[in-house]
PDB file of N, CA and C in Angstrom:
ATOM      1  N   UNK A   1      17.623  24.364 -27.306  1.00  0.00           N
ATOM      2  CA  UNK A   1      18.916  25.798 -26.589  1.00  0.00           C
ATOM      3  C   UNK A   1      19.147  26.612 -27.666  1.00  0.00           C
ATOM      4  N   UNK A   2      19.696  27.879 -27.122  1.00  0.00           N
ATOM      5  CA  UNK A   2      19.955  29.121 -27.557  1.00  0.00           C
ATOM      6  C   UNK A   2      21.222  29.382 -27.070  1.00  0.00           C
ATOM      7  N   UNK A   3      22.427  29.464 -28.209  1.00  0.00           N
ATOM      8  CA  UNK A   3      23.954  29.670 -28.061  1.00  0.00           C
ATOM      9  C   UNK A   3      24.323  31.021 -28.459  1.00  0.00           C
ATOM     10  N   UNK A   4      24.593  32.161 -27.622  1.00  0.00           N
ATOM     11  CA  UNK A   4      24.526  33.070 -27.750  1.00  0.00           C
ATOM     12  C   UNK A   4      26.132  33.471 -29.009  1.00  0.00           C
ATOM     13  N   UNK A   5      25.934  33.695 -30.143  1.00  0.00           N
ATOM     14  CA  UNK A   5      26.980  33.897 -31.367  1.00  0.00           C
ATOM     15  C   UNK A   5      26.417  34.620 -32.283  1.00  0.00           C
ATOM     16  N   UNK A   6      27.340  35.391 -33.096  1.00  0.00           N
ATOM     17  CA  UNK A   6      26.645  35.937 -34.592  1.00  0.00           C
ATOM     18  C   UNK A   6      26.021  35.311 -35.067  1.00  0.00           C
ATOM     19  N   UNK A   7      25.869  34.191 -35.294  1.00  0.00           N
ATOM     20  CA  UNK A   7      24.726  33.001 -36.249  1.00  0.00           C
ATOM     21  C   UNK A   7      23.340  33.868 -35.066  1.00  0.00           C
ATOM     22  N   UNK A   8      23.431  34.070 -34.254  1.00  0.00           N
ATOM     23  CA  UNK A   8      22.297  33.418 -33.686  1.00  0.00           C
ATOM     24  C   UNK A   8      21.591  35.335 -33.686  1.00  0.00           C
ATOM     25  N   UNK A   9      22.125  36.118 -33.494  1.00  0.00           N
ATOM     26  CA  UNK A   9      22.013  37.337 -33.234  1.00  0.00           C
ATOM     27  C   UNK A   9      21.907  37.560 -35.077  1.00  0.00           C
ATOM     28  N   UNK A  10      22.440  37.523 -36.217  1.00  0.00           N
ATOM     29  CA  UNK A  10      22.398  37.715 -37.658  1.00  0.00           C
ATOM     30  C   UNK A  10      21.132  36.665 -37.443  1.00  0.00           C
ATOM     31  N   UNK A  11      20.649  36.133 -37.069  1.00  0.00           N
ATOM     32  CA  UNK A  11      18.905  34.874 -37.638  1.00  0.00           C
ATOM     33  C   UNK A  11      18.087  35.856 -37.114  1.00  0.00           C
ATOM     34  N   UNK A  12      18.427  36.832 -35.857  1.00  0.00           N
ATOM     35  CA  UNK A  12      16.937  37.139 -35.731  1.00  0.00           C
ATOM     36  C   UNK A  12      17.272  39.146 -35.959  1.00  0.00           C
ATOM     37  N   UNK A  13      17.843  39.800 -37.004  1.00  0.00           N
ATOM     38  CA  UNK A  13      18.423  40.714 -36.930  1.00  0.00           C
ATOM     39  C   UNK A  13      16.662  41.103 -38.069  1.00  0.00           C
ATOM     40  N   UNK A  14      16.517  40.890 -39.358  1.00  0.00           N
ATOM     41  CA  UNK A  14      15.907  41.095 -39.942  1.00  0.00           C
ATOM     42  C   UNK A  14      14.318  41.375 -39.003  1.00  0.00           C
ATOM     43  N   UNK A  15      13.742  40.109 -37.964  1.00  0.00           N
ATOM     44  CA  UNK A  15      12.709  40.633 -37.391  1.00  0.00           C
ATOM     45  C   UNK A  15      12.906  41.042 -36.630  1.00  0.00           C
ATOM     46  N   UNK A  16      13.540  41.595 -35.897  1.00  0.00           N
ATOM     47  CA  UNK A  16      14.304  42.502 -34.799  1.00  0.00           C
ATOM     48  C   UNK A  16      14.589  43.787 -35.511  1.00  0.00           C
ATOM     49  N   UNK A  17      14.660  43.862 -36.403  1.00  0.00           N
ATOM     50  CA  UNK A  17      14.948  45.312 -37.265  1.00  0.00           C
ATOM     51  C   UNK A  17      13.072  45.864 -36.629  1.00  0.00           C
ATOM     52  N   UNK A  18      12.492  45.048 -37.395  1.00  0.00           N
ATOM     53  CA  UNK A  18      11.345  45.180 -37.766  1.00  0.00           C
ATOM     54  C   UNK A  18      10.125  45.584 -36.564  1.00  0.00           C
ATOM     55  N   UNK A  19      10.463  44.494 -35.608  1.00  0.00           N
ATOM     56  CA  UNK A  19       9.978  45.113 -34.486  1.00  0.00           C
ATOM     57  C   UNK A  19      10.576  46.337 -33.798  1.00  0.00           C
ATOM     58  N   UNK A  20      11.808  46.407 -33.852  1.00  0.00           N
ATOM     59  CA  UNK A  20      12.105  47.992 -33.291  1.00  0.00           C
ATOM     60  C   UNK A  20      11.460  49.198 -34.300  1.00  0.00           C
ATOM     61  N   UNK A  21      11.212  49.297 -35.329  1.00  0.00           N
ATOM     62  CA  UNK A  21      10.215  50.020 -36.497  1.00  0.00           C
ATOM     63  C   UNK A  21       8.678  49.973 -35.903  1.00  0.00           C
ATOM     64  N   UNK A  22       8.624  48.506 -35.337  1.00  0.00           N
ATOM     65  CA  UNK A  22       7.199  49.071 -35.298  1.00  0.00           C
ATOM     66  C   UNK A  22       6.633  49.341 -33.983  1.00  0.00           C
ATOM     67  N   UNK A  23       7.709  48.939 -33.127  1.00  0.00           N
ATOM     68  CA  UNK A  23       7.269  49.795 -31.594  1.00  0.00           C
ATOM     69  C   UNK A  23       7.695  51.187 -31.873  1.00  0.00           C
ATOM     70  N   UNK A  24       8.676  51.914 -32.456  1.00  0.00           N
ATOM     71  CA  UNK A  24       8.327  53.128 -33.182  1.00  0.00           C
ATOM     72  C   UNK A  24       7.419  53.541 -34.028  1.00  0.00           C
ATOM     73  N   UNK A  25       7.179  53.266 -34.831  1.00  0.00           N
ATOM     74  CA  UNK A  25       5.443  53.587 -34.939  1.00  0.00           C
ATOM     75  C   UNK A  25       4.669  53.946 -34.563  1.00  0.00           C
ATOM     76  N   UNK A  26       3.904  52.684 -33.820  1.00  0.00           N
ATOM     77  CA  UNK A  26       3.347  52.332 -32.826  1.00  0.00           C
ATOM     78  C   UNK A  26       3.052  54.286 -32.054  1.00  0.00           C
ATOM     79  N   UNK A  27       4.378  54.615 -31.624  1.00  0.00           N
ATOM     80  CA  UNK A  27       4.658  55.920 -30.630  1.00  0.00           C
ATOM     81  C   UNK A  27       4.486  57.101 -31.609  1.00  0.00           C
ATOM     82  N   UNK A  28       4.429  57.248 -32.945  1.00  0.00           N
ATOM     83  CA  UNK A  28       4.471  58.232 -33.718  1.00  0.00           C
ATOM     84  C   UNK A  28       2.871  58.363 -34.217  1.00  0.00           C
ATOM     85  N   UNK A  29       2.372  57.195 -34.429  1.00  0.00           N
ATOM     86  CA  UNK A  29       1.205  57.018 -34.534  1.00  0.00           C
ATOM     87  C   UNK A  29       0.462  57.909 -33.780  1.00  0.00           C
ATOM     88  N   UNK A  30       0.673  57.792 -32.070  1.00  0.00           N
ATOM     89  CA  UNK A  30       0.106  58.819 -31.379  1.00  0.00           C
ATOM     90  C   UNK A  30       0.041  60.123 -31.185  1.00  0.00           C
ATOM     91  N   UNK A  31       1.302  60.640 -32.194  1.00  0.00           N
ATOM     92  CA  UNK A  31       1.448  62.048 -32.079  1.00  0.00           C
ATOM     93  C   UNK A  31       2.550  62.306 -31.827  1.00  0.00           C
ATOM     94  N   UNK A  32       3.841  61.526 -31.073  1.00  0.00           N
ATOM     95  CA  UNK A  32       4.807  62.252 -30.873  1.00  0.00           C
ATOM     96  C   UNK A  32       5.689  62.222 -31.919  1.00  0.00           C
ATOM     97  N   UNK A  33       6.171  63.684 -31.263  1.00  0.00           N
ATOM     98  CA  UNK A  33       7.112  64.040 -32.568  1.00  0.00           C
ATOM     99  C   UNK A  33       8.490  63.192 -32.199  1.00  0.00           C
ATOM    100  N   UNK A  34       9.113  62.760 -33.521  1.00  0.00           N
ATOM    101  CA  UNK A  34      10.728  61.899 -34.029  1.00  0.00           C
ATOM    102  C   UNK A  34      11.726  62.165 -32.462  1.00  0.00           C
ATOM    103  N   UNK A  35      11.670  63.562 -32.646  1.00  0.00           N
ATOM    104  CA  UNK A  35      12.390  64.047 -31.433  1.00  0.00           C
ATOM    105  C   UNK A  35      12.435  63.689 -29.690  1.00  0.00           C
ATOM    106  N   UNK A  36      11.076  63.359 -29.602  1.00  0.00           N
ATOM    107  CA  UNK A  36      10.981  63.547 -28.302  1.00  0.00           C
ATOM    108  C   UNK A  36      11.150  61.766 -27.735  1.00  0.00           C
ATOM    109  N   UNK A  37      11.068  61.081 -28.797  1.00  0.00           N
ATOM    110  CA  UNK A  37      10.840  59.582 -28.642  1.00  0.00           C
ATOM    111  C   UNK A  37      12.307  59.182 -28.390  1.00  0.00           C
ATOM    112  N   UNK A  38      12.562  58.347 -27.252  1.00  0.00           N
ATOM    113  CA  UNK A  38      13.966  57.493 -27.542  1.00  0.00           C
ATOM    114  C   UNK A  38      14.327  56.559 -28.561  1.00  0.00           C
ATOM    115  N   UNK A  39      15.928  56.568 -28.861  1.00  0.00           N
ATOM    116  CA  UNK A  39      15.554  56.204 -30.392  1.00  0.00           C
ATOM    117  C   UNK A  39      16.129  54.457 -29.751  1.00  0.00           C
ATOM    118  N   UNK A  40      15.484  53.690 -31.395  1.00  0.00           N
ATOM    119  CA  UNK A  40      15.944  52.251 -30.900  1.00  0.00           C
ATOM    120  C   UNK A  40      16.476  51.609 -32.276  1.00  0.00           C
ATOM    121  N   UNK A  41      17.858  51.546 -32.366  1.00  0.00           N
ATOM    122  CA  UNK A  41      18.871  50.917 -33.142  1.00  0.00           C
ATOM    123  C   UNK A  41      19.438  49.364 -32.719  1.00  0.00           C
ATOM    124  N   UNK A  42      19.274  48.415 -33.828  1.00  0.00           N
ATOM    125  CA  UNK A  42      19.610  46.843 -33.976  1.00  0.00           C
ATOM    126  C   UNK A  42      21.079  47.291 -33.596  1.00  0.00           C
ATOM    127  N   UNK A  43      21.736  47.731 -34.151  1.00  0.00           N
ATOM    128  CA  UNK A  43      22.961  48.075 -33.931  1.00  0.00           C
ATOM    129  C   UNK A  43      23.520  47.802 -33.034  1.00  0.00           C
ATOM    130  N   UNK A  44      22.763  49.154 -31.560  1.00  0.00           N
ATOM    131  CA  UNK A  44      23.175  49.232 -30.772  1.00  0.00           C
ATOM    132  C   UNK A  44      22.762  48.602 -29.349  1.00  0.00           C
ATOM    133  N   UNK A  45      21.980  47.713 -29.792  1.00  0.00           N
ATOM    134  CA  UNK A  45      21.219  46.431 -28.604  1.00  0.00           C
ATOM    135  C   UNK A  45      22.504  45.724 -28.199  1.00  0.00           C
ATOM    136  N   UNK A  46      22.187  45.655 -26.923  1.00  0.00           N
ATOM    137  CA  UNK A  46      22.671  44.314 -25.758  1.00  0.00           C
ATOM    138  C   UNK A  46      21.988  43.198 -26.432  1.00  0.00           C
ATOM    139  N   UNK A  47      22.944  41.897 -26.221  1.00  0.00           N
ATOM    140  CA  UNK A  47      22.545  40.815 -26.484  1.00  0.00           C
ATOM    141  C   UNK A  47      22.909  39.394 -25.395  1.00  0.00           C
ATOM    142  N   UNK A  48      21.947  39.083 -24.973  1.00  0.00           N
ATOM    143  CA  UNK A  48      22.459  37.869 -23.964  1.00  0.00           C
ATOM    144  C   UNK A  48      21.237  37.102 -23.852  1.00  0.00           C
ATOM    145  N   UNK A  49      22.165  35.481 -23.975  1.00  0.00           N
ATOM    146  CA  UNK A  49      20.835  34.408 -23.524  1.00  0.00           C
ATOM    147  C   UNK A  49      20.514  34.336 -22.198  1.00  0.00           C
ATOM    148  N   UNK A  50      18.784  34.221 -21.811  1.00  0.00           N
ATOM    149  CA  UNK A  50      18.660  33.834 -20.465  1.00  0.00           C
ATOM    150  C   UNK A  50      16.821  33.237 -20.416  1.00  0.00           C
ATOM    151  N   UNK A  51      16.547  32.495 -19.264  1.00  0.00           N
ATOM    152  CA  UNK A  51      15.729  31.460 -18.975  1.00  0.00           C
ATOM    153  C   UNK A  51      14.530  32.655 -18.762  1.00  0.00           C
ATOM    154  N   UNK A  52      13.556  32.024 -20.071  1.00  0.00           N
ATOM    155  CA  UNK A  52      11.906  32.533 -19.706  1.00  0.00           C
ATOM    156  C   UNK A  52      11.511  32.052 -18.650  1.00  0.00           C
ATOM    157  N   UNK A  53      11.126  32.576 -17.430  1.00  0.00           N
ATOM    158  CA  UNK A  53      10.681  32.244 -16.105  1.00  0.00           C
ATOM    159  C   UNK A  53       9.172  31.452 -16.816  1.00  0.00           C
ATOM    160  N   UNK A  54       8.813  32.216 -17.572  1.00  0.00           N
ATOM    161  CA  UNK A  54       7.271  31.327 -17.813  1.00  0.00           C
ATOM    162  C   UNK A  54       7.685  30.028 -17.930  1.00  0.00           C
ATOM    163  N   UNK A  55       8.297  29.661 -19.060  1.00  0.00           N
ATOM    164  CA  UNK A  55       7.934  28.200 -19.827  1.00  0.00           C
ATOM    165  C   UNK A  55       9.743  27.465 -19.516  1.00  0.00           C
ATOM    166  N   UNK A  56      10.670  28.214 -18.858  1.00  0.00           N
ATOM    167  CA  UNK A  56      11.926  27.458 -18.653  1.00  0.00           C
ATOM    168  C   UNK A  56      12.581  27.081 -19.637  1.00  0.00           C
ATOM    169  N   UNK A  57      12.643  27.759 -20.831  1.00  0.00           N
ATOM    170  CA  UNK A  57      13.432  27.266 -21.851  1.00  0.00           C
ATOM    171  C   UNK A  57      14.060  28.930 -22.327  1.00  0.00           C
ATOM    172  N   UNK A  58      15.374  28.790 -22.913  1.00  0.00           N
ATOM    173  CA  UNK A  58      16.578  29.705 -23.006  1.00  0.00           C
ATOM    174  C   UNK A  58      15.440  30.516 -24.076  1.00  0.00           C
ATOM    175  N   UNK A  59      16.281  31.835 -23.992  1.00  0.00           N
ATOM    176  CA  UNK A  59      15.982  33.464 -24.850  1.00  0.00           C
ATOM    177  C   UNK A  59      17.040  33.891 -25.225  1.00  0.00           C
ATOM    178  N   UNK A  60      17.145  34.117 -26.433  1.00  0.00           N
ATOM    179  CA  UNK A  60      17.728  35.754 -26.616  1.00  0.00           C
ATOM    180  C   UNK A  60      16.982  36.924 -26.378  1.00  0.00           C
ATOM    181  N   UNK A  61      17.429  37.263 -25.419  1.00  0.00           N
ATOM    182  CA  UNK A  61      17.366  38.557 -24.844  1.00  0.00           C
ATOM    183  C   UNK A  61      18.138  39.651 -25.386  1.00  0.00           C
ATOM    184  N   UNK A  62      17.162  40.891 -26.110  1.00  0.00           N
ATOM    185  CA  UNK A  62      18.063  41.965 -26.195  1.00  0.00           C
ATOM    186  C   UNK A  62      17.490  42.934 -25.852  1.00  0.00           C
ATOM    187  N   UNK A  63      18.098  44.190 -25.387  1.00  0.00           N
ATOM    188  CA  UNK A  63      17.940  45.294 -24.611  1.00  0.00           C
ATOM    189  C   UNK A  63      18.434  46.696 -25.200  1.00  0.00           C
ATOM    190  N   UNK A  64      17.949  47.559 -24.804  1.00  0.00           N
ATOM    191  CA  UNK A  64      18.647  48.632 -25.558  1.00  0.00           C
ATOM    192  C   UNK A  64      18.711  50.247 -24.347  1.00  0.00           C
ATOM    193  N   UNK A  65      19.753  50.615 -24.156  1.00  0.00           N
ATOM    194  CA  UNK A  65      19.573  51.638 -23.152  1.00  0.00           C
ATOM    195  C   UNK A  65      19.438  53.364 -23.465  1.00  0.00           C
ATOM    196  N   UNK A  66      19.405  54.165 -22.430  1.00  0.00           N
ATOM    197  CA  UNK A  66      19.258  55.768 -23.037  1.00  0.00           C
ATOM    198  C   UNK A  66      20.375  56.271 -22.422  1.00  0.00           C
ATOM    199  N   UNK A  67      20.685  57.707 -22.950  1.00  0.00           N
ATOM    200  CA  UNK A  67      22.183  57.859 -22.769  1.00  0.00           C
ATOM    201  C   UNK A  67      22.807  58.150 -21.436  1.00  0.00           C
ATOM    202  N   UNK A  68      21.890  57.924 -20.555  1.00  0.00           N
ATOM    203  CA  UNK A  68      21.923  57.692 -18.819  1.00  0.00           C
ATOM    204  C   UNK A  68      22.427  56.602 -18.536  1.00  0.00           C
ATOM    205  N   UNK A  69      22.269  55.491 -19.381  1.00  0.00           N
ATOM    206  CA  UNK A  69      22.987  53.984 -18.965  1.00  0.00           C
ATOM    207  C   UNK A  69      21.247  52.943 -18.685  1.00  0.00           C
ATOM    208  N   UNK A  70      20.021  53.665 -18.201  1.00  0.00           N
ATOM    209  CA  UNK A  70      19.388  53.389 -18.004  1.00  0.00           C
ATOM    210  C   UNK A  70      18.269  52.095 -19.276  1.00  0.00           C
ATOM    211  N   UNK A  71      17.806  50.893 -18.574  1.00  0.00           N
ATOM    212  CA  UNK A  71      17.258  50.243 -20.111  1.00  0.00           C
ATOM    213  C   UNK A  71      16.101  51.098 -20.062  1.00  0.00           C
ATOM    214  N   UNK A  72      15.763  51.115 -21.192  1.00  0.00           N
ATOM    215  CA  UNK A  72      14.344  51.549 -21.523  1.00  0.00           C
ATOM    216  C   UNK A  72      13.755  50.883 -22.510  1.00  0.00           C
ATOM    217  N   UNK A  73      14.152  49.137 -22.992  1.00  0.00           N
ATOM    218  CA  UNK A  73      13.394  48.570 -24.327  1.00  0.00           C
ATOM    219  C   UNK A  73      14.345  46.823 -24.389  1.00  0.00           C
ATOM    220  N   UNK A  74      13.552  46.626 -24.238  1.00  0.00           N
ATOM    221  CA  UNK A  74      14.407  45.029 -24.818  1.00  0.00           C
ATOM    222  C   UNK A  74      12.909  44.179 -25.526  1.00  0.00           C
ATOM    223  N   UNK A  75      13.794  42.880 -26.435  1.00  0.00           N
ATOM    224  CA  UNK A  75      12.996  42.118 -27.137  1.00  0.00           C
ATOM    225  C   UNK A  75      13.660  40.726 -26.281  1.00  0.00           C
ATOM    226  N   UNK A  76      11.928  39.940 -26.712  1.00  0.00           N
ATOM    227  CA  UNK A  76      12.831  38.076 -25.967  1.00  0.00           C
ATOM    228  C   UNK A  76      12.247  37.531 -27.307  1.00  0.00           C
ATOM    229  N   UNK A  77      13.192  36.806 -27.401  1.00  0.00           N
ATOM    230  CA  UNK A  77      13.030  35.920 -28.688  1.00  0.00           C
ATOM    231  C   UNK A  77      13.220  34.540 -28.158  1.00  0.00           C
ATOM    232  N   UNK A  78      11.973  33.555 -27.985  1.00  0.00           N
ATOM    233  CA  UNK A  78      11.929  31.908 -27.604  1.00  0.00           C
ATOM    234  C   UNK A  78      12.203  31.255 -28.207  1.00  0.00           C
ATOM    235  N   UNK A  79      12.669  30.216 -28.054  1.00  0.00           N
ATOM    236  CA  UNK A  79      13.240  29.176 -29.006  1.00  0.00           C
ATOM    237  C   UNK A  79      11.705  28.420 -29.608  1.00  0.00           C
ATOM    238  N   UNK A  80      10.674  29.082 -29.520  1.00  0.00           N
ATOM    239  CA  UNK A  80       9.114  28.501 -30.179  1.00  0.00           C
ATOM    240  C   UNK A  80       9.118  29.634 -31.378  1.00  0.00           C
ATOM    241  N   UNK A  81       9.858  30.719 -31.513  1.00  0.00           N
ATOM    242  CA  UNK A  81       9.508  31.511 -32.534  1.00  0.00           C
ATOM    243  C   UNK A  81       9.101  32.475 -32.126  1.00  0.00           C
ATOM    244  N   UNK A  82       8.231  32.500 -31.123  1.00  0.00           N
ATOM    245  CA  UNK A  82       7.645  33.773 -30.743  1.00  0.00           C
ATOM    246  C   UNK A  82       8.449  35.003 -30.051  1.00  0.00           C
ATOM    247  N   UNK A  83       7.903  36.058 -29.786  1.00  0.00           N
ATOM    248  CA  UNK A  83       8.948  37.115 -29.247  1.00  0.00           C
ATOM    249  C   UNK A  83       7.514  38.196 -28.125  1.00  0.00           C
ATOM    250  N   UNK A  84       8.283  38.828 -27.698  1.00  0.00           N
ATOM    251  CA  UNK A  84       7.777  40.025 -26.685  1.00  0.00           C
ATOM    252  C   UNK A  84       8.649  41.213 -26.944  1.00  0.00           C
ATOM    253  N   UNK A  85       8.022  42.339 -27.066  1.00  0.00           N
ATOM    254  CA  UNK A  85       9.205  43.407 -26.727  1.00  0.00           C
ATOM    255  C   UNK A  85       8.317  44.375 -26.054  1.00  0.00           C
ATOM    256  N   UNK A  86       8.888  45.492 -25.456  1.00  0.00           N
ATOM    257  CA  UNK A  86       8.619  46.855 -24.848  1.00  0.00           C
ATOM    258  C   UNK A  86       9.720  48.229 -24.568  1.00  0.00           C
ATOM    259  N   UNK A  87       9.323  49.150 -25.434  1.00  0.00           N
ATOM    260  CA  UNK A  87       9.788  50.264 -25.500  1.00  0.00           C
ATOM    261  C   UNK A  87       9.516  51.399 -24.637  1.00  0.00           C
ATOM    262  N   UNK A  88      10.073  51.779 -23.356  1.00  0.00           N
ATOM    263  CA  UNK A  88       9.483  52.794 -22.804  1.00  0.00           C
ATOM    264  C   UNK A  88       9.554  54.049 -23.018  1.00  0.00           C
ATOM    265  N   UNK A  89       8.622  54.626 -23.007  1.00  0.00           N
ATOM    266  CA  UNK A  89       7.988  56.430 -23.670  1.00  0.00           C
ATOM    267  C   UNK A  89       7.994  57.422 -22.613  1.00  0.00           C
ATOM    268  N   UNK A  90       7.382  56.894 -21.228  1.00  0.00           N
ATOM    269  CA  UNK A  90       7.464  57.257 -20.130  1.00  0.00           C
ATOM    270  C   UNK A  90       7.223  59.087 -20.066  1.00  0.00           C
ATOM    271  N   UNK A  91       5.809  59.314 -20.900  1.00  0.00           N
ATOM    272  CA  UNK A  91       5.861  60.889 -21.604  1.00  0.00           C
ATOM    273  C   UNK A  91       4.285  61.019 -21.861  1.00  0.00           C
ATOM    274  N   UNK A  92       3.733  61.675 -20.828  1.00  0.00           N
ATOM    275  CA  UNK A  92       2.323  62.540 -21.205  1.00  0.00           C
ATOM    276  C   UNK A  92       1.827  62.143 -22.801  1.00  0.00           C
ATOM    277  N   UNK A  93       0.385  61.941 -22.958  1.00  0.00           N
ATOM    278  CA  UNK A  93       0.218  61.777 -24.115  1.00  0.00           C
ATOM    279  C   UNK A  93      -0.195  62.529 -24.945  1.00  0.00           C
ATOM    280  N   UNK A  94       0.565  62.922 -26.507  1.00  0.00           N
ATOM    281  CA  UNK A  94       0.623  63.924 -26.722  1.00  0.00           C
ATOM    282  C   UNK A  94      -0.688  64.872 -27.122  1.00  0.00           C
ATOM    283  N   UNK A  95      -1.340  64.319 -27.671  1.00  0.00           N
ATOM    284  CA  UNK A  95      -2.988  64.565 -27.451  1.00  0.00           C
ATOM    285  C   UNK A  95      -4.286  65.095 -26.354  1.00  0.00           C
ATOM    286  N   UNK A  96      -3.731  64.055 -25.778  1.00  0.00           N
ATOM    287  CA  UNK A  96      -4.883  64.135 -24.386  1.00  0.00           C
ATOM    288  C   UNK A  96      -3.978  63.739 -22.841  1.00  0.00           C
ATOM    289  N   UNK A  97      -4.065  64.262 -22.466  1.00  0.00           N
ATOM    290  CA  UNK A  97      -3.132  64.690 -20.893  1.00  0.00           C
ATOM    291  C   UNK A  97      -3.706  63.689 -20.037  1.00  0.00           C
ATOM    292  N   UNK A  98      -4.983  63.659 -20.535  1.00  0.00           N
ATOM    293  CA  UNK A  98      -5.439  62.698 -19.011  1.00  0.00           C
ATOM    294  C   UNK A  98      -4.810  60.702 -19.664  1.00  0.00           C
ATOM    295  N   UNK A  99      -3.910  60.999 -20.202  1.00  0.00           N
ATOM    296  CA  UNK A  99      -3.012  59.472 -19.999  1.00  0.00           C
ATOM    297  C   UNK A  99      -1.489  59.817 -20.192  1.00  0.00           C
ATOM    298  N   UNK A 100      -1.320  58.871 -19.851  1.00  0.00           N
ATOM    299  CA  UNK A 100       0.634  58.664 -19.402  1.00  0.00           C
ATOM    300  C   UNK A 100       1.166  57.646 -20.295  1.00  0.00           C
ATOM    301  N   UNK A 101       1.624  57.869 -21.402  1.00  0.00           N
ATOM    302  CA  UNK A 101       2.386  56.542 -22.013  1.00  0.00           C
ATOM    303  C   UNK A 101       3.403  55.878 -21.964  1.00  0.00           C
ATOM    304  N   UNK A 102       3.189  54.752 -21.177  1.00  0.00           N
ATOM    305  CA  UNK A 102       4.393  54.232 -20.208  1.00  0.00           C
ATOM    306  C   UNK A 102       4.889  53.352 -20.974  1.00  0.00           C
ATOM    307  N   UNK A 103       4.601  52.869 -22.062  1.00  0.00           N
ATOM    308  CA  UNK A 103       5.805  52.015 -23.271  1.00  0.00           C
ATOM    309  C   UNK A 103       4.449  51.245 -24.269  1.00  0.00           C
ATOM    310  N   UNK A 104       5.014  50.817 -25.079  1.00  0.00           N
ATOM    311  CA  UNK A 104       4.676  49.998 -26.637  1.00  0.00           C
ATOM    312  C   UNK A 104       5.389  49.257 -26.162  1.00  0.00           C
ATOM    313  N   UNK A 105       4.526  47.896 -26.931  1.00  0.00           N
ATOM    314  CA  UNK A 105       4.499  46.752 -26.223  1.00  0.00           C
ATOM    315  C   UNK A 105       4.545  46.183 -27.912  1.00  0.00           C
ATOM    316  N   UNK A 106       4.986  44.754 -27.919  1.00  0.00           N
ATOM    317  CA  UNK A 106       4.913  44.361 -29.484  1.00  0.00           C
ATOM    318  C   UNK A 106       5.274  42.704 -29.254  1.00  0.00           C
ATOM    319  N   UNK A 107       4.493  41.772 -29.852  1.00  0.00           N
ATOM    320  CA  UNK A 107       4.438  40.590 -29.628  1.00  0.00           C
ATOM    321  C   UNK A 107       4.227  39.702 -30.766  1.00  0.00           C
ATOM    322  N   UNK A 108       4.631  38.138 -30.932  1.00  0.00           N
ATOM    323  CA  UNK A 108       3.905  37.846 -32.176  1.00  0.00           C
ATOM    324  C   UNK A 108       4.797  36.558 -31.988  1.00  0.00           C
ATOM    325  N   UNK A 109       4.790  35.784 -33.534  1.00  0.00           N
ATOM    326  CA  UNK A 109       5.435  34.707 -34.060  1.00  0.00           C
ATOM    327  C   UNK A 109       6.315  34.901 -35.186  1.00  0.00           C
ATOM    328  N   UNK A 110       7.153  34.682 -35.811  1.00  0.00           N
ATOM    329  CA  UNK A 110       7.930  34.616 -36.975  1.00  0.00           C
ATOM    330  C   UNK A 110       7.848  36.358 -37.556  1.00  0.00           C
ATOM    331  N   UNK A 111       6.845  36.527 -38.616  1.00  0.00           N
ATOM    332  CA  UNK A 111       7.064  38.296 -39.011  1.00  0.00           C
ATOM    333  C   UNK A 111       5.691  38.604 -38.894  1.00  0.00           C
ATOM    334  N   UNK A 112       4.606  37.669 -37.492  1.00  0.00           N
ATOM    335  CA  UNK A 112       3.775  38.781 -37.722  1.00  0.00           C
ATOM    336  C   UNK A 112       3.990  39.337 -36.115  1.00  0.00           C
ATOM    337  N   UNK A 113       3.462  40.484 -36.218  1.00  0.00           N
ATOM    338  CA  UNK A 113       3.936  41.771 -34.929  1.00  0.00           C
ATOM    339  C   UNK A 113       2.820  42.257 -34.638  1.00  0.00           C
ATOM    340  N   UNK A 114       2.732  42.271 -33.392  1.00  0.00           N
ATOM    341  CA  UNK A 114       1.210  43.280 -32.925  1.00  0.00           C
ATOM    342  C   UNK A 114       1.736  44.299 -32.117  1.00  0.00           C
ATOM    343  N   UNK A 115       1.165  45.559 -32.186  1.00  0.00           N
ATOM    344  CA  UNK A 115       1.572  46.273 -31.177  1.00  0.00           C
ATOM    345  C   UNK A 115       0.424  46.928 -30.153  1.00  0.00           C
ATOM    346  N   UNK A 116       0.986  47.459 -29.547  1.00  0.00           N
ATOM    347  CA  UNK A 116      -0.420  48.305 -28.646  1.00  0.00           C
ATOM    348  C   UNK A 116       0.721  49.153 -27.594  1.00  0.00           C
ATOM    349  N   UNK A 117      -0.008  49.897 -27.270  1.00  0.00           N
ATOM    350  CA  UNK A 117       0.231  51.087 -26.230  1.00  0.00           C
ATOM    351  C   UNK A 117       0.344  50.828 -24.875  1.00  0.00           C
ATOM    352  N   UNK A 118       1.066  51.181 -23.693  1.00  0.00           N
ATOM    353  CA  UNK A 118       0.499  50.724 -22.622  1.00  0.00           C
ATOM    354  C   UNK A 118       0.120  51.945 -21.577  1.00  0.00           C
ATOM    355  N   UNK A 119      -0.836  52.887 -21.591  1.00  0.00           N
ATOM    356  CA  UNK A 119      -1.446  53.296 -20.885  1.00  0.00           C
ATOM    357  C   UNK A 119      -2.045  53.758 -19.291  1.00  0.00           C
ATOM    358  N   UNK A 120      -1.633  54.703 -18.671  1.00  0.00           N
ATOM    359  CA  UNK A 120      -1.647  55.228 -17.552  1.00  0.00           C
ATOM    360  C   UNK A 120      -2.402  56.430 -17.517  1.00  0.00           C
ATOM    361  N   UNK A 121      -3.598  56.275 -16.215  1.00  0.00           N
ATOM    362  CA  UNK A 121      -4.587  57.985 -16.368  1.00  0.00           C
ATOM    363  C   UNK A 121      -3.475  58.391 -15.412  1.00  0.00           C
ATOM    364  N   UNK A 122      -3.184  59.923 -16.366  1.00  0.00           N
ATOM    365  CA  UNK A 122      -2.684  60.850 -15.604  1.00  0.00           C
ATOM    366  C   UNK A 122      -3.273  61.298 -14.287  1.00  0.00           C
ATOM    367  N   UNK A 123      -2.534  61.838 -13.370  1.00  0.00           N
ATOM    368  CA  UNK A 123      -3.428  62.157 -11.909  1.00  0.00           C
ATOM    369  C   UNK A 123      -2.835  63.643 -12.125  1.00  0.00           C
TER     370      UNK A 123
END
């Protein structure tokens, strides 16, 4: 069972910061200018405990919002040490206009982070 307190948040800080950086770096690799990407800052995240609908177990949910107050990203830390994160980009691909970059996703366990871009065909 996960209890939301300073210890829980600080226990996830290092990997959380690494996940935020990995999401950002994956978008930069695509060719986006730094100034066009929504920012992710661990210090600015809001934290809560929620129930994972797939496993039914508690998880630490972290989310960030844009300047208008809309959620644009989240990280879910599961009790088994795994995590899933997504960061909304919602911009045309910088070098291939036939694609729209919906989001960047990250998942893994412990310090193993895998990232992937979620693309949609542009119409």
